[in-house]
C-alpha atoms as a PDB file:
ATOM      1  CA  MET A   1      33.541  79.087 -80.852  1.00  0.00           C
ATOM      2  CA  ARG A   2      30.535  79.343 -83.169  1.00  0.00           C
ATOM      3  CA  PHE A   3      32.515  80.912 -86.003  1.00  0.00           C
ATOM      4  CA  ILE A   4      34.898  77.945 -86.214  1.00  0.00           C
ATOM      5  CA  LYS A   5      31.991  75.506 -85.979  1.00  0.00           C
ATOM      6  CA  TYR A   6      30.125  77.178 -88.840  1.00  0.00           C
ATOM      7  CA  PHE A   7      33.305  77.504 -90.900  1.00  0.00           C
ATOM      8  CA  GLN A   8      33.985  73.774 -90.598  1.00  0.00           C
ATOM      9  CA  ALA A   9      30.359  72.959 -91.472  1.00  0.00           C
ATOM     10  CA  ILE A  10      30.469  75.007 -94.682  1.00  0.00           C
ATOM     11  CA  TYR A  11      33.546  73.071 -95.804  1.00  0.00           C
ATOM     12  CA  SER A  12      31.963  69.659 -95.223  1.00  0.00           C
ATOM     13  CA  ASP A  13      31.415  69.558 -99.009  1.00  0.00           C
ATOM     14  CA  THR A  14      34.470  71.072-100.678  1.00  0.00           C
ATOM     15  CA  LYS A  15      33.572  70.294-104.323  1.00  0.00           C
ATOM     16  CA  LYS A  16      31.106  73.168-104.593  1.00  0.00           C
ATOM     17  CA  HIS A  17      33.712  75.607-103.321  1.00  0.00           C
ATOM     18  CA  ILE A  18      35.692  75.220-106.536  1.00  0.00           C
ATOM     19  CA  MET A  19      32.668  76.401-108.537  1.00  0.00           C
ATOM     20  CA  LEU A  20      31.942  79.174-106.052  1.00  0.00           C
ATOM     21  CA  PHE A  21      35.528  80.410-106.189  1.00  0.00           C
ATOM     22  CA  SER A  22      35.429  80.386-109.995  1.00  0.00           C
ATOM     23  CA  ILE A  23      32.242  82.448-110.113  1.00  0.00           C
ATOM     24  CA  ILE A  24      33.415  84.978-107.532  1.00  0.00           C
ATOM     25  CA  GLY A  25      36.874  85.125-109.077  1.00  0.00           C
ATOM     26  CA  THR A  26      35.299  86.021-112.410  1.00  0.00           C
ATOM     27  CA  VAL A  27      33.530  88.971-110.773  1.00  0.00           C
ATOM     28  CA  ALA A  28      36.790  90.100-109.175  1.00  0.00           C
ATOM     29  CA  LEU A  29      38.584  90.032-112.521  1.00  0.00           C
ATOM     30  CA  LEU A  30      35.759  91.952-114.201  1.00  0.00           C
ATOM     31  CA  ILE A  31      35.949  94.576-111.463  1.00  0.00           C
ATOM     32  CA  ASN A  32      39.685  94.748-112.101  1.00  0.00           C
ATOM     33  CA  ASN A  33      39.095  95.445-115.789  1.00  0.00           C
ATOM     34  CA  VAL A  34      36.462  98.101-115.094  1.00  0.00           C
ATOM     35  CA  LEU A  35      38.690  99.727-112.485  1.00  0.00           C
ATOM     36  CA  SER A  36      41.517  99.867-114.994  1.00  0.00           C
ATOM     37  CA  LYS A  37      39.226 101.539-117.526  1.00  0.00           C
ATOM     38  CA  PHE A  38      37.955 104.241-115.195  1.00  0.00           C
ATOM     39  CA  THR A  39      41.419 105.055-113.839  1.00  0.00           C
ATOM     40  CA  ASN A  40      42.811 105.406-117.380  1.00  0.00           C
ATOM     41  CA  ASN A  41      45.305 102.603-116.675  1.00  0.00           C
ATOM     42  CA  LEU A  42      46.890 104.535-113.816  1.00  0.00           C
ATOM     43  CA  LEU A  43      47.120 101.179-112.051  1.00  0.00           C
ATOM     44  CA  SER A  44      48.362  99.242-115.081  1.00  0.00           C
ATOM     45  CA  ASN A  45      51.478  98.147-113.202  1.00  0.00           C
ATOM     46  CA  HIS A  46      49.239  96.184-110.840  1.00  0.00           C
ATOM     47  CA  LEU A  47      46.077  95.523-112.848  1.00  0.00           C
ATOM     48  CA  ILE A  48      45.167  94.155-116.246  1.00  0.00           C
ATOM     49  CA  VAL A  49      45.280  96.655-119.104  1.00  0.00           C
ATOM     50  CA  ALA A  50      41.810  98.154-119.569  1.00  0.00           C
ATOM     51  CA  PRO A  51      39.500  97.062-122.424  1.00  0.00           C
ATOM     52  CA  ASP A  52      39.766  99.142-125.586  1.00  0.00           C
ATOM     53  CA  SER A  53      36.127  99.643-126.621  1.00  0.00           C
ATOM     54  CA  ALA A  54      33.045 101.027-124.870  1.00  0.00           C
ATOM     55  CA  PHE A  55      31.119  97.919-125.973  1.00  0.00           C
ATOM     56  CA  GLU A  56      33.619  95.650-124.253  1.00  0.00           C
ATOM     57  CA  ILE A  57      33.514  97.601-121.002  1.00  0.00           C
ATOM     58  CA  MET A  58      29.683  97.696-121.036  1.00  0.00           C
ATOM     59  CA  LEU A  59      29.624  93.959-121.714  1.00  0.00           C
ATOM     60  CA  GLU A  60      31.917  93.326-118.758  1.00  0.00           C
ATOM     61  CA  ILE A  61      29.837  95.590-116.490  1.00  0.00           C
ATOM     62  CA  GLY A  62      26.631  93.836-117.556  1.00  0.00           C
ATOM     63  CA  PHE A  63      28.116  90.368-117.108  1.00  0.00           C
ATOM     64  CA  GLY A  64      29.513  91.386-113.718  1.00  0.00           C
ATOM     65  CA  ILE A  65      26.101  92.631-112.537  1.00  0.00           C
ATOM     66  CA  LEU A  66      24.490  89.386-113.703  1.00  0.00           C
ATOM     67  CA  ILE A  67      27.004  87.289-111.783  1.00  0.00           C
ATOM     68  CA  TRP A  68      26.646  89.515-108.706  1.00  0.00           C
ATOM     69  CA  PHE A  69      22.865  89.013-108.876  1.00  0.00           C
ATOM     70  CA  TYR A  70      23.454  85.259-108.987  1.00  0.00           C
ATOM     71  CA  ILE A  71      25.733  85.405-105.942  1.00  0.00           C
ATOM     72  CA  PHE A  72      23.107  87.514-104.146  1.00  0.00           C
ATOM     73  CA  GLY A  73      20.524  84.805-104.804  1.00  0.00           C
ATOM     74  CA  TYR A  74      22.969  82.059-103.874  1.00  0.00           C
ATOM     75  CA  GLU A  75      23.566  83.581-100.434  1.00  0.00           C
ATOM     76  CA  TYR A  76      19.849  83.724 -99.676  1.00  0.00           C
ATOM     77  CA  LYS A  77      19.192  80.274-101.102  1.00  0.00           C
ATOM     78  CA  PHE A  78      21.805  79.092 -98.591  1.00  0.00           C
ATOM     79  CA  LEU A  79      19.987  80.954 -95.800  1.00  0.00           C
ATOM     80  CA  ASN A  80      16.630  79.615 -96.984  1.00  0.00           C
ATOM     81  CA  ASN A  81      18.010  76.107 -96.454  1.00  0.00           C
ATOM     82  CA  ILE A  82      19.312  77.008 -92.992  1.00  0.00           C
ATOM     83  CA  MET A  83      15.983  78.571 -91.974  1.00  0.00           C
ATOM     84  CA  ASN A  84      14.218  75.401 -93.041  1.00  0.00           C
ATOM     85  CA  ASP A  85      16.552  73.226 -90.972  1.00  0.00           C
ATOM     86  CA  SER A  86      18.663  71.854 -93.807  1.00  0.00           C
ATOM     87  CA  GLU A  87      22.301  70.939 -93.292  1.00  0.00           C
ATOM     88  CA  ILE A  88      24.931  73.677 -93.377  1.00  0.00           C
ATOM     89  CA  ILE A  89      26.197  72.915 -96.870  1.00  0.00           C
ATOM     90  CA  LEU A  90      26.437  75.003 -99.999  1.00  0.00           C
ATOM     91  CA  PRO A  91      23.349  74.707-102.236  1.00  0.00           C
ATOM     92  CA  GLU A  92      23.407  73.535-105.818  1.00  0.00           C
ATOM     93  CA  PHE A  93      24.281  75.950-108.617  1.00  0.00           C
ATOM     94  CA  ASN A  94      21.064  76.019-110.656  1.00  0.00           C
ATOM     95  CA  GLY A  95      18.294  78.257-111.939  1.00  0.00           C
ATOM     96  CA  GLU A  96      16.536  78.262-108.568  1.00  0.00           C
ATOM     97  CA  VAL A  97      19.241  80.631-107.342  1.00  0.00           C
ATOM     98  CA  PHE A  98      18.090  83.299-109.829  1.00  0.00           C
ATOM     99  CA  LEU A  99      14.505  82.779-108.665  1.00  0.00           C
ATOM    100  CA  THR A 100      15.605  83.306-105.070  1.00  0.00           C
ATOM    101  CA  ALA A 101      17.377  86.521-106.059  1.00  0.00           C
ATOM    102  CA  CYS A 102      14.180  87.771-107.728  1.00  0.00           C
ATOM    103  CA  LYS A 103      12.147  86.958-104.604  1.00  0.00           C
ATOM    104  CA  MET A 104      14.597  88.771-102.326  1.00  0.00           C
ATOM    105  CA  THR A 105      15.027  91.888-104.467  1.00  0.00           C
ATOM    106  CA  PRO A 106      11.735  93.695-103.582  1.00  0.00           C
ATOM    107  CA  ILE A 107      12.195  93.393 -99.811  1.00  0.00           C
ATOM    108  CA  PHE A 108      15.857  94.387-100.149  1.00  0.00           C
ATOM    109  CA  ILE A 109      14.921  97.487-102.170  1.00  0.00           C
ATOM    110  CA  LEU A 110      12.176  98.397 -99.682  1.00  0.00           C
ATOM    111  CA  TRP A 111      14.596  98.527 -96.764  1.00  0.00           C
ATOM    112  CA  GLN A 112      17.148 100.427 -98.824  1.00  0.00           C
ATOM    113  CA  ILE A 113      14.411 103.007 -99.430  1.00  0.00           C
ATOM    114  CA  TYR A 114      13.907 103.260 -95.658  1.00  0.00           C
ATOM    115  CA  PHE A 115      17.643 103.841 -95.259  1.00  0.00           C
ATOM    116  CA  PHE A 116      17.579 106.486 -98.001  1.00  0.00           C
ATOM    117  CA  ILE A 117      14.644 108.305 -96.388  1.00  0.00           C
ATOM    118  CA  LEU A 118      16.451 108.379 -93.054  1.00  0.00           C
ATOM    119  CA  THR A 119      19.623 109.645 -94.711  1.00  0.00           C
ATOM    120  CA  PHE A 120      17.745 112.267 -96.732  1.00  0.00           C
ATOM    121  CA  LEU A 121      15.767 113.612 -93.781  1.00  0.00           C
ATOM    122  CA  THR A 122      18.878 113.693 -91.627  1.00  0.00           C
ATOM    123  CA  GLY A 123      20.723 115.549 -94.391  1.00  0.00           C
ATOM    124  CA  ILE A 124      17.959 118.168 -94.629  1.00  0.00           C
ATOM    125  CA  PHE A 125      17.911 118.554 -90.852  1.00  0.00           C
ATOM    126  CA  THR A 126      21.698 118.848 -90.759  1.00  0.00           C
ATOM    127  CA  ILE A 127      21.712 121.542 -93.458  1.00  0.00           C
ATOM    128  CA  THR A 128      18.918 123.423 -91.696  1.00  0.00           C
ATOM    129  CA  THR A 129      20.622 123.392 -88.300  1.00  0.00           C
ATOM    130  CA  GLY A 130      24.205 123.521 -89.563  1.00  0.00           C
ATOM    131  CA  ASN A 131      25.125 120.839 -87.020  1.00  0.00           C
ATOM    132  CA  LEU A 132      26.950 117.791 -88.435  1.00  0.00           C
ATOM    133  CA  LEU A 133      26.410 115.928 -85.178  1.00  0.00           C
ATOM    134  CA  TYR A 134      22.956 114.852 -86.362  1.00  0.00           C
ATOM    135  CA  TYR A 135      24.376 113.286 -89.520  1.00  0.00           C
ATOM    136  CA  PHE A 136      27.017 111.331 -87.610  1.00  0.00           C
ATOM    137  CA  LEU A 137      24.329 110.284 -85.139  1.00  0.00           C
ATOM    138  CA  ALA A 138      22.146 108.987 -87.980  1.00  0.00           C
ATOM    139  CA  GLY A 139      25.139 107.101 -89.403  1.00  0.00           C
ATOM    140  CA  THR A 140      25.720 105.476 -86.024  1.00  0.00           C
ATOM    141  CA  VAL A 141      22.058 104.490 -85.786  1.00  0.00           C
ATOM    142  CA  MET A 142      22.097 102.954 -89.271  1.00  0.00           C
ATOM    143  CA  LEU A 143      25.255 101.017 -88.459  1.00  0.00           C
ATOM    144  CA  PHE A 144      23.639  99.720 -85.271  1.00  0.00           C
ATOM    145  CA  ILE A 145      20.393  98.610 -86.904  1.00  0.00           C
ATOM    146  CA  THR A 146      22.035  96.979 -89.950  1.00  0.00           C
ATOM    147  CA  PRO A 147      22.317  93.489 -88.336  1.00  0.00           C
ATOM    148  CA  PHE A 148      18.655  93.694 -87.328  1.00  0.00           C
ATOM    149  CA  VAL A 149      17.620  94.661 -90.858  1.00  0.00           C
ATOM    150  CA  PHE A 150      19.601  91.638 -92.025  1.00  0.00           C
ATOM    151  CA  MET A 151      17.560  89.573 -89.550  1.00  0.00           C
ATOM    152  CA  ILE A 152      14.459  90.698 -91.437  1.00  0.00           C
ATOM    153  CA  TYR A 153      16.005  89.564 -94.730  1.00  0.00           C
ATOM    154  CA  VAL A 154      16.855  86.210 -93.165  1.00  0.00           C
ATOM    155  CA  LYS A 155      13.387  85.799 -91.705  1.00  0.00           C
ATOM    156  CA  PHE A 156      11.851  86.643 -95.090  1.00  0.00           C
ATOM    157  CA  SER A 157      14.118  84.096 -96.812  1.00  0.00           C
ATOM    158  CA  LYS A 158      12.438  81.278 -94.862  1.00  0.00           C
ATOM    159  CA  ASP A 159       9.225  81.323 -96.915  1.00  0.00           C
ATOM    160  CA  PHE A 160       9.370  84.582 -98.959  1.00  0.00           C
ATOM    161  CA  LYS A 161       6.033  85.781 -97.553  1.00  0.00           C
ATOM    162  CA  TYR A 162       5.315  89.524 -97.351  1.00  0.00           C
ATOM    163  CA  THR A 163       4.019  89.585 -93.802  1.00  0.00           C
ATOM    164  CA  ASN A 164       3.748  92.813 -91.826  1.00  0.00           C
ATOM    165  CA  ASP A 165       6.842  92.065 -89.737  1.00  0.00           C
ATOM    166  CA  VAL A 166       9.141  92.083 -92.777  1.00  0.00           C
ATOM    167  CA  ILE A 167       7.657  95.289 -94.182  1.00  0.00           C
ATOM    168  CA  SER A 168       7.049  97.540 -91.204  1.00  0.00           C
ATOM    169  CA  PRO A 169       9.984  99.574 -89.791  1.00  0.00           C
ATOM    170  CA  LYS A 170       8.465  98.981 -86.342  1.00  0.00           C
ATOM    171  CA  THR A 171       9.714  95.409 -86.590  1.00  0.00           C
ATOM    172  CA  LEU A 172      13.220  96.654 -85.806  1.00  0.00           C
ATOM    173  CA  LEU A 173      12.147  97.616 -82.288  1.00  0.00           C
ATOM    174  CA  LYS A 174      10.729  94.146 -81.732  1.00  0.00           C
ATOM    175  CA  TYR A 175      13.842  92.421 -83.053  1.00  0.00           C
ATOM    176  CA  ILE A 176      16.169  94.662 -81.055  1.00  0.00           C
ATOM    177  CA  ASP A 177      14.208  94.031 -77.869  1.00  0.00           C
ATOM    178  CA  LYS A 178      14.235  90.243 -78.278  1.00  0.00           C
ATOM    179  CA  SER A 179      17.727  89.643 -79.617  1.00  0.00           C
ATOM    180  CA  ILE A 180      20.065  92.565 -78.923  1.00  0.00           C
ATOM    181  CA  VAL A 181      22.348  90.634 -76.550  1.00  0.00           C
ATOM    182  CA  ASP A 182      22.691  87.647 -78.898  1.00  0.00           C
ATOM    183  CA  VAL A 183      23.270  89.866 -81.933  1.00  0.00           C
ATOM    184  CA  VAL A 184      25.888  92.019 -80.197  1.00  0.00           C
ATOM    185  CA  PHE A 185      27.864  89.004 -78.964  1.00  0.00           C
ATOM    186  CA  TRP A 186      27.693  87.321 -82.378  1.00  0.00           C
ATOM    187  CA  CYS A 187      28.814  90.522 -84.116  1.00  0.00           C
ATOM    188  CA  LEU A 188      31.731  90.849 -81.694  1.00  0.00           C
ATOM    189  CA  GLU A 189      32.847  87.253 -82.242  1.00  0.00           C
ATOM    190  CA  PHE A 190      32.453  87.598 -85.990  1.00  0.00           C
ATOM    191  CA  GLY A 191      34.263  90.939 -85.954  1.00  0.00           C
ATOM    192  CA  ILE A 192      37.344  89.424 -84.317  1.00  0.00           C
ATOM    193  CA  TYR A 193      37.787  86.881 -87.104  1.00  0.00           C
ATOM    194  CA  GLY A 194      36.925  89.480 -89.717  1.00  0.00           C
ATOM    195  CA  PHE A 195      39.637  91.798 -88.379  1.00  0.00           C
ATOM    196  CA  LEU A 196      42.211  88.988 -88.411  1.00  0.00           C
ATOM    197  CA  PHE A 197      41.409  88.174 -92.032  1.00  0.00           C
ATOM    198  CA  PHE A 198      41.495  91.847 -93.011  1.00  0.00           C
ATOM    199  CA  ALA A 199      44.906  92.280 -91.371  1.00  0.00           C
ATOM    200  CA  LEU A 200      46.273  89.221 -93.203  1.00  0.00           C
ATOM    201  CA  LEU A 201      44.830  90.490 -96.482  1.00  0.00           C
ATOM    202  CA  ILE A 202      46.419  93.925 -96.067  1.00  0.00           C
ATOM    203  CA  GLY A 203      49.749  92.287 -95.330  1.00  0.00           C
ATOM    204  CA  TYR A 204      49.508  89.997 -98.356  1.00  0.00           C
ATOM    205  CA  MET A 205      48.438  92.751-100.762  1.00  0.00           C
ATOM    206  CA  GLY A 206      51.231  94.977 -99.498  1.00  0.00           C
ATOM    207  CA  TRP A 207      53.700  92.192-100.273  1.00  0.00           C
ATOM    208  CA  ALA A 208      52.136  91.489-103.713  1.00  0.00           C
ATOM    209  CA  LEU A 209      52.098  95.132-104.819  1.00  0.00           C
ATOM    210  CA  ASN A 210      55.762  95.542-103.911  1.00  0.00           C
ATOM    211  CA  LEU A 211      57.055  92.629-105.968  1.00  0.00           C
ATOM    212  CA  SER A 212      59.709  93.894-108.349  1.00  0.00           C
ATOM    213  CA  GLU A 213      58.709  91.906-111.436  1.00  0.00           C
ATOM    214  CA  GLN A 214      55.500  92.956-113.212  1.00  0.00           C
ATOM    215  CA  ILE A 215      54.158  89.484-114.142  1.00  0.00           C
ATOM    216  CA  PRO A 216      54.563  87.930-110.650  1.00  0.00           C
ATOM    217  CA  ARG A 217      53.130  91.149-109.175  1.00  0.00           C
ATOM    218  CA  LEU A 218      50.113  90.950-111.492  1.00  0.00           C
ATOM    219  CA  ILE A 219      49.492  87.265-110.730  1.00  0.00           C
ATOM    220  CA  ALA A 220      49.877  87.755-106.981  1.00  0.00           C
ATOM    221  CA  THR A 221      47.639  90.839-106.967  1.00  0.00           C
ATOM    222  CA  LEU A 222      44.839  89.316-109.032  1.00  0.00           C
ATOM    223  CA  GLY A 223      45.062  86.080-107.046  1.00  0.00           C
ATOM    224  CA  GLY A 224      44.731  88.070-103.851  1.00  0.00           C
ATOM    225  CA  MET A 225      41.709  89.943-105.219  1.00  0.00           C
ATOM    226  CA  CYS A 226      39.961  86.712-106.210  1.00  0.00           C
ATOM    227  CA  PHE A 227      40.691  85.016-102.904  1.00  0.00           C
ATOM    228  CA  ALA A 228      39.625  88.085-100.911  1.00  0.00           C
ATOM    229  CA  ALA A 229      36.297  88.263-102.782  1.00  0.00           C
ATOM    230  CA  TYR A 230      35.722  84.540-102.221  1.00  0.00           C
ATOM    231  CA  ILE A 231      36.487  84.728 -98.492  1.00  0.00           C
ATOM    232  CA  PHE A 232      34.256  87.804 -98.202  1.00  0.00           C
ATOM    233  CA  VAL A 233      31.322  85.738 -99.483  1.00  0.00           C
ATOM    234  CA  ILE A 234      32.211  82.833 -97.181  1.00  0.00           C
ATOM    235  CA  PHE A 235      32.289  85.240 -94.232  1.00  0.00           C
ATOM    236  CA  LYS A 236      28.857  86.583 -95.252  1.00  0.00           C
ATOM    237  CA  LEU A 237      27.500  83.026 -95.282  1.00  0.00           C
ATOM    238  CA  ILE A 238      28.954  82.342 -91.849  1.00  0.00           C
ATOM    239  CA  PHE A 239      27.516  85.598 -90.493  1.00  0.00           C
ATOM    240  CA  GLY A 240      24.175  84.614 -92.004  1.00  0.00           C
ATOM    241  CA  ILE A 241      24.232  81.243 -90.233  1.00  0.00           C
ATOM    242  CA  GLY A 242      24.681  82.977 -86.884  1.00  0.00           C
ATOM    243  CA  ILE A 243      21.871  85.426 -87.586  1.00  0.00           C
ATOM    244  CA  ALA A 244      19.587  82.628 -88.828  1.00  0.00           C
ATOM    245  CA  LYS A 245      20.141  80.733 -85.580  1.00  0.00           C
ATOM    246  CA  ILE A 246      19.203  83.849 -83.592  1.00  0.00           C
ATOM    247  CA  VAL A 247      16.078  84.431 -85.684  1.00  0.00           C
ATOM    248  CA  LYS A 248      14.911  80.869 -85.141  1.00  0.00           C
ATOM    249  CA  GLU A 249      15.661  80.915 -81.404  1.00  0.00           C
ATOM    250  CA  LYS A 250      14.606  84.445 -80.466  1.00  0.00           C
ATOM    251  CA  ILE A 251      12.043  85.545 -83.053  1.00  0.00           C
ATOM    252  CA  LEU A 252      10.211  82.528 -84.419  1.00  0.00           C
ATOM    253  CA  THR A 253       9.865  80.667 -81.127  1.00  0.00           C
ATOM    254  CA  LYS A 254       8.697  83.540 -78.953  1.00  0.00           C
END
């Protein structure tokens, strides 16, 4: 199975995973603090007590966004290596990751604007006709095309060039036509492992939240949050490997 193969390849160099887990875990803990603040400590039995001052919460939000931006760049630096036939190993943690994030941001925002326009127009049409079917139909379409939009991100990450095929919405039709079978089968395989992990996570968090003692419950819950966030990123990298392989085989060679 490709998923297992890619998973094993990512863990060929385990030293970098300690750093990756630390970075992602920091984001998870910051989210925990912010969540505690905006729920007025309603979850204080399970989460850390919220920060006291507005400055502290804004500092944590800002630091969290900065780290998220770094992770965003790290994922596409990884895919840039894959697209340029490097080994499937985690890249170095350096300033180049921030540069990659800056290069990816414009094309990412552009396609989010396309999504927003589709959502907005569908919303107007739904309000005009009074038929919610159109809105659900648009949601289904957006869900379907999401992997193909990701293919455009991956293709762009190869050389960061603003060619017509990474800007034009018409590219989706081309990508769907050339790769729909491969993408569907990869999404199905990936989805099976994703569902298994999600089920295990739900079971673990249910156990952690029901621990009788507050300190063990807090440790188990926060540990679960950090691990879940880390695995989520690992799964995104694995999904990206599969999509990168499809782009190279079905898009760049045809």
